[in-house]
Amino acid sequence: MRIASNVLNDRTGKMFTLEQFDHFLFAFDGVILDSAELTVSAFGELYADHGDDVRGMVEAYRRAHPGEPRHEQVRMLHRTLLGEELSPAETSMECDKLGEIILDDMIDCPLMPDIAEALQLLNARGIAAHIVSSMPQDELRTIVARKGLTRQFRSVLGAPLSQGMNCEAIFAASRADRARCLFVGATMADYRCATNVGVPFLEIGEFATAPFPFGTHVTERLGDLFLDVATARLGRAFPPSAPVELGRRFRAV
C-alpha cells in the first residue's frame, strides 16, 4: 500500500494538505477499531436475561444512537424497558459488566481499513494523533495497549470526562489552534462534539447511510484520503470543471 505524503481529499473535489493540521482527534468505535456492531451486540448481551424482545430493542437503540456515554444509555434503558431506576452505584455495576463483555471481544477486533498506515504517516509527519472517546478511559487504554497502538497516540482520553471536555484538555495542553485540528468520527455524537468545540469534522462512513448534515466531509475509508491511487482516481472522476453530485451531502464546485 503506497501512501501519499501530503494530500488529503475530502471527496468534494477540493484538496487539503496535511500541513494544514497539527492534531488529529480520533473517535474509537468505527474509526480506529471496526467495533461498532460489536458494541451493539455487547449491549444486547447485557440484557439477554430479560428476553429476546428486550434484547432486540436494546440493540436497535444502541445501533441508532452510537457514541453516547455508556452510563447514560444503561440508565435510560433500565428505566424505559425494565421500569427500574438505577442508583449511581447500580449503574456503575451494570457498566462494569458491559465493559467486561466489550473488553474480551475488542481485543480480537480488527483495526479499521488503512488506520495503521494512516497513523504511521501522521507520526512520520509530526502530526499529533489523539483518541477522544466516550468509552471508559482505563478500558480504552487497555485495548489500545493490547493492539500495540499506544505509541502512535499523543493522548488516549475517555470517560468519565466527556469527549468535549477531553478535547478542551488537549487544546489547553498543546495550545492548539482549533482550525488546525481535525476530528475524525463516525457518529452524530462525534459530529456534535466537533461542532461544539469548534473544529473541522471528517466522517468515516457511507454516503448513502450516514445521518450527517449536508456539507459534512465524508470518506468511506481513510485510504481514500491518504493513498496516491485514491487521489488519482478521484481526480479523474471529479474534475474541477464538472460539478458532480457526491452522495447526499456534497456537490463539487
Protein backbone atom coordinates (compact mmCIF):
# COMPACT_ATOMS: atom_id res chain seq x y z
CA MET A 1 0.00 0.00 0.00
CA ARG A 2 1.60 3.29 -1.11
CA ILE A 3 0.76 6.35 0.98
CA ALA A 4 0.67 9.92 -0.27
CA SER A 5 2.76 12.11 1.99
CA ASN A 6 0.96 15.41 1.64
CA VAL A 7 -2.59 15.13 0.29
CA LEU A 8 -5.99 14.75 1.87
CA ASN A 9 -9.06 14.50 -0.34
CA ASP A 10 -12.46 15.21 1.20
CA ARG A 11 -14.34 13.87 -1.86
CA THR A 12 -15.69 17.28 -2.72
CA GLY A 13 -13.04 17.67 -5.39
CA LYS A 14 -11.18 20.14 -3.14
CA MET A 15 -7.74 19.24 -1.89
CA PHE A 16 -6.16 19.78 1.51
CA THR A 17 -2.57 19.35 2.59
CA LEU A 18 -1.54 17.62 5.77
CA GLU A 19 0.39 20.76 6.61
CA GLN A 20 -2.95 22.39 7.42
CA PHE A 21 -3.28 20.20 10.53
CA ASP A 22 -1.25 19.85 13.71
CA HIS A 23 -3.61 17.47 15.51
CA PHE A 24 -5.97 14.65 14.50
CA LEU A 25 -8.65 13.82 17.09
CA PHE A 26 -9.95 10.30 16.50
CA ALA A 27 -13.08 8.72 17.90
CA PHE A 28 -12.67 4.99 18.57
CA ASP A 29 -15.60 2.74 17.58
CA GLY A 30 -15.84 2.57 13.80
CA VAL A 31 -12.79 4.83 13.38
CA ILE A 32 -9.82 3.07 14.99
CA LEU A 33 -11.43 -0.34 15.54
CA ASP A 34 -14.12 -1.97 13.41
CA SER A 35 -16.12 -2.35 16.60
CA ALA A 36 -19.41 -0.51 16.16
CA GLU A 37 -21.52 -3.65 15.68
CA LEU A 38 -19.55 -5.46 18.37
CA THR A 39 -20.62 -2.79 20.87
CA VAL A 40 -24.24 -3.20 19.78
CA SER A 41 -24.03 -6.96 20.43
CA ALA A 42 -22.41 -6.37 23.83
CA PHE A 43 -25.30 -4.12 24.89
CA GLY A 44 -27.70 -6.84 23.79
CA GLU A 45 -25.84 -9.47 25.77
CA LEU A 46 -26.04 -7.33 28.91
CA TYR A 47 -29.85 -7.51 28.66
CA ALA A 48 -30.07 -11.11 27.38
CA ASP A 49 -31.67 -12.42 30.60
CA HIS A 50 -34.67 -10.15 30.02
CA GLY A 51 -35.76 -11.94 26.85
CA ASP A 52 -35.33 -11.64 23.12
CA ASP A 53 -37.75 -8.73 22.75
CA VAL A 54 -35.87 -6.57 25.25
CA ARG A 55 -32.54 -7.58 23.78
CA GLY A 56 -33.74 -6.65 20.31
CA MET A 57 -34.95 -3.23 21.47
CA VAL A 58 -31.66 -2.58 23.28
CA GLU A 59 -29.63 -3.44 20.20
CA ALA A 60 -31.87 -1.32 17.98
CA TYR A 61 -31.47 1.66 20.30
CA ARG A 62 -27.70 1.33 20.52
CA ARG A 63 -27.44 0.95 16.75
CA ALA A 64 -29.47 4.13 16.29
CA HIS A 65 -27.56 6.08 18.98
CA PRO A 66 -23.89 5.06 18.81
CA GLY A 67 -21.27 7.04 20.64
CA GLU A 68 -23.46 8.18 23.53
CA PRO A 69 -21.97 7.73 27.01
CA ARG A 70 -22.43 4.20 28.27
CA HIS A 71 -23.75 5.09 31.74
CA GLU A 72 -26.42 7.37 30.28
CA GLN A 73 -27.68 4.67 27.93
CA VAL A 74 -27.72 1.97 30.62
CA ARG A 75 -29.74 4.17 33.00
CA MET A 76 -32.18 5.11 30.25
CA LEU A 77 -32.62 1.52 29.02
CA HIS A 78 -33.30 0.19 32.51
CA ARG A 79 -35.81 2.96 33.17
CA THR A 80 -37.59 2.71 29.82
CA LEU A 81 -37.56 -1.03 29.14
CA LEU A 82 -37.42 -2.55 32.63
CA GLY A 83 -39.12 0.12 34.72
CA GLU A 84 -36.10 0.26 37.03
CA GLU A 85 -34.42 3.43 38.25
CA LEU A 86 -30.77 2.60 38.83
CA SER A 87 -28.74 4.30 41.54
CA PRO A 88 -25.28 5.59 40.61
CA ALA A 89 -23.72 2.52 42.24
CA GLU A 90 -26.04 0.16 40.35
CA THR A 91 -25.35 1.98 37.10
CA SER A 92 -21.63 1.58 37.70
CA MET A 93 -22.06 -2.16 38.33
CA GLU A 94 -24.02 -2.64 35.10
CA CYS A 95 -21.44 -0.63 33.15
CA ASP A 96 -18.66 -2.76 34.64
CA LYS A 97 -20.45 -5.89 33.39
CA LEU A 98 -20.81 -4.32 29.97
CA GLY A 99 -17.14 -3.35 29.99
CA GLU A 100 -16.10 -6.94 30.67
CA ILE A 101 -18.14 -8.15 27.70
CA ILE A 102 -16.76 -5.46 25.41
CA LEU A 103 -13.13 -5.79 26.52
CA ASP A 104 -12.94 -9.50 25.81
CA ASP A 105 -14.33 -9.05 22.30
CA MET A 106 -12.46 -5.87 21.38
CA ILE A 107 -9.03 -7.36 21.97
CA ASP A 108 -9.63 -9.55 18.92
CA CYS A 109 -11.44 -6.88 16.89
CA PRO A 110 -9.66 -5.81 13.68
CA LEU A 111 -8.49 -2.29 13.00
CA MET A 112 -10.46 -0.24 10.53
CA PRO A 113 -9.07 -0.35 6.97
CA ASP A 114 -5.95 1.79 6.46
CA ILE A 115 -5.80 3.06 10.05
CA ALA A 116 -2.36 1.56 10.75
CA GLU A 117 -0.87 3.19 7.65
CA ALA A 118 -2.60 6.50 8.39
CA LEU A 119 -1.22 6.61 11.93
CA GLN A 120 2.28 5.82 10.67
CA LEU A 121 2.01 8.67 8.19
CA LEU A 122 0.83 11.16 10.80
CA ASN A 123 3.63 10.13 13.13
CA ALA A 124 6.21 10.47 10.35
CA ARG A 125 4.95 13.96 9.54
CA GLY A 126 4.98 15.09 13.17
CA ILE A 127 1.19 15.48 13.33
CA ALA A 128 -0.15 14.55 16.76
CA ALA A 129 -2.84 11.85 16.89
CA HIS A 130 -5.23 11.62 19.84
CA ILE A 131 -8.13 9.35 20.75
CA VAL A 132 -11.16 11.12 22.23
CA SER A 133 -13.84 8.57 23.13
CA SER A 134 -16.90 8.15 25.33
CA MET A 135 -15.56 4.72 26.34
CA PRO A 136 -14.21 4.44 29.92
CA GLN A 137 -10.63 5.64 29.82
CA ASP A 138 -8.98 2.70 31.62
CA GLU A 139 -10.75 0.23 29.33
CA LEU A 140 -9.86 2.30 26.27
CA ARG A 141 -6.17 2.46 27.18
CA THR A 142 -6.08 -1.29 27.85
CA ILE A 143 -7.46 -2.02 24.39
CA VAL A 144 -5.11 0.45 22.69
CA ALA A 145 -2.14 -1.08 24.50
CA ARG A 146 -3.18 -4.64 23.66
CA LYS A 147 -3.48 -3.63 19.99
CA GLY A 148 0.09 -2.26 20.10
CA LEU A 149 -1.01 1.30 19.30
CA THR A 150 -0.10 3.27 22.42
CA ARG A 151 3.00 4.89 20.92
CA GLN A 152 1.02 6.08 17.90
CA PHE A 153 -1.06 8.49 20.02
CA ARG A 154 -0.10 11.63 21.89
CA SER A 155 -3.04 11.04 24.23
CA VAL A 156 -5.80 8.46 24.76
CA LEU A 157 -8.74 10.02 26.60
CA GLY A 158 -12.15 8.71 27.61
CA ALA A 159 -14.86 8.75 30.28
CA PRO A 160 -15.65 9.86 32.91
CA LEU A 161 -14.87 13.17 31.18
CA SER A 162 -16.93 13.90 28.09
CA GLN A 163 -15.45 13.97 24.61
CA GLY A 164 -15.79 17.75 24.59
CA MET A 165 -14.01 18.17 27.92
CA ASN A 166 -11.19 15.92 26.74
CA CYS A 167 -10.87 17.92 23.52
CA GLU A 168 -10.61 21.10 25.59
CA ALA A 169 -7.89 19.47 27.70
CA ILE A 170 -5.91 18.68 24.54
CA PHE A 171 -6.29 22.24 23.25
CA ALA A 172 -5.15 23.66 26.59
CA ALA A 173 -2.17 21.34 26.96
CA SER A 174 -0.93 21.82 23.40
CA ARG A 175 -2.07 25.42 22.88
CA ALA A 176 -3.55 24.16 19.64
CA ASP A 177 -5.17 26.34 17.02
CA ARG A 178 -8.60 24.75 16.60
CA ALA A 179 -8.61 25.49 12.88
CA ARG A 180 -5.56 23.22 12.64
CA CYS A 181 -7.25 20.28 14.41
CA LEU A 182 -9.31 17.67 12.54
CA PHE A 183 -11.87 15.49 14.34
CA VAL A 184 -12.31 12.10 12.65
CA GLY A 185 -15.52 10.41 13.78
CA ALA A 186 -18.32 8.05 12.80
CA THR A 187 -21.36 9.06 14.85
CA MET A 188 -23.61 12.05 15.43
CA ALA A 189 -22.17 12.26 18.95
CA ASP A 190 -18.73 12.74 17.36
CA TYR A 191 -20.13 15.36 14.98
CA ARG A 192 -21.79 17.28 17.81
CA CYS A 193 -18.56 17.20 19.80
CA ALA A 194 -16.53 18.60 16.90
CA THR A 195 -19.14 21.28 16.27
CA ASN A 196 -19.34 22.25 19.94
CA VAL A 197 -15.57 22.62 20.34
CA GLY A 198 -15.19 24.39 17.00
CA VAL A 199 -13.01 22.08 14.92
CA PRO A 200 -13.42 20.66 11.39
CA PHE A 201 -15.06 17.24 11.19
CA LEU A 202 -14.47 14.26 8.91
CA GLU A 203 -16.91 11.35 8.90
CA ILE A 204 -15.81 7.78 8.30
CA GLY A 205 -18.88 6.16 6.76
CA GLU A 206 -21.00 5.53 3.70
CA PHE A 207 -22.55 8.40 1.77
CA ALA A 208 -25.94 6.74 1.43
CA THR A 209 -26.49 5.80 5.07
CA ALA A 210 -24.78 8.44 7.22
CA PRO A 211 -27.12 10.83 9.08
CA PHE A 212 -24.88 13.89 8.97
CA PRO A 213 -25.97 17.31 7.69
CA PHE A 214 -25.42 18.39 4.11
CA GLY A 215 -21.89 19.70 3.74
CA THR A 216 -20.24 17.23 6.12
CA HIS A 217 -16.93 15.93 4.79
CA VAL A 218 -17.22 12.16 4.28
CA THR A 219 -14.91 9.34 3.29
CA GLU A 220 -15.70 5.64 3.35
CA ARG A 221 -12.16 4.74 4.44
CA LEU A 222 -9.01 6.61 5.40
CA GLY A 223 -7.17 5.14 2.43
CA ASP A 224 -9.26 7.41 0.22
CA LEU A 225 -7.57 10.32 1.98
CA PHE A 226 -4.01 9.10 2.16
CA LEU A 227 -3.33 6.87 -0.83
CA ASP A 228 -1.86 8.18 -4.07
CA VAL A 229 -4.09 5.85 -6.07
CA ALA A 230 -7.22 7.25 -4.43
CA THR A 231 -6.16 10.81 -5.15
CA ALA A 232 -5.54 9.96 -8.78
CA ARG A 233 -8.84 8.12 -9.09
CA LEU A 234 -10.86 10.94 -7.57
CA GLY A 235 -9.05 13.49 -9.68
CA ARG A 236 -10.21 11.69 -12.81
CA ALA A 237 -13.72 11.10 -11.56
CA PHE A 238 -14.45 14.59 -10.29
CA PRO A 239 -12.66 17.20 -12.45
CA PRO A 240 -12.99 20.74 -11.02
CA SER A 241 -14.68 21.97 -14.19
CA ALA A 242 -17.53 19.46 -13.93
CA PRO A 243 -19.61 19.67 -10.73
CA VAL A 244 -20.78 16.23 -9.64
CA GLU A 245 -23.30 15.16 -7.01
CA LEU A 246 -21.44 13.26 -4.30
CA GLY A 247 -23.67 11.15 -2.10
CA ARG A 248 -26.40 13.03 -0.24
CA ARG A 249 -24.35 15.85 1.19
CA PHE A 250 -21.80 17.08 -1.33
CA ARG A 251 -21.51 18.90 -4.60
CA ALA A 252 -18.08 19.58 -6.01
CA VAL A 253 -17.57 23.20 -7.02
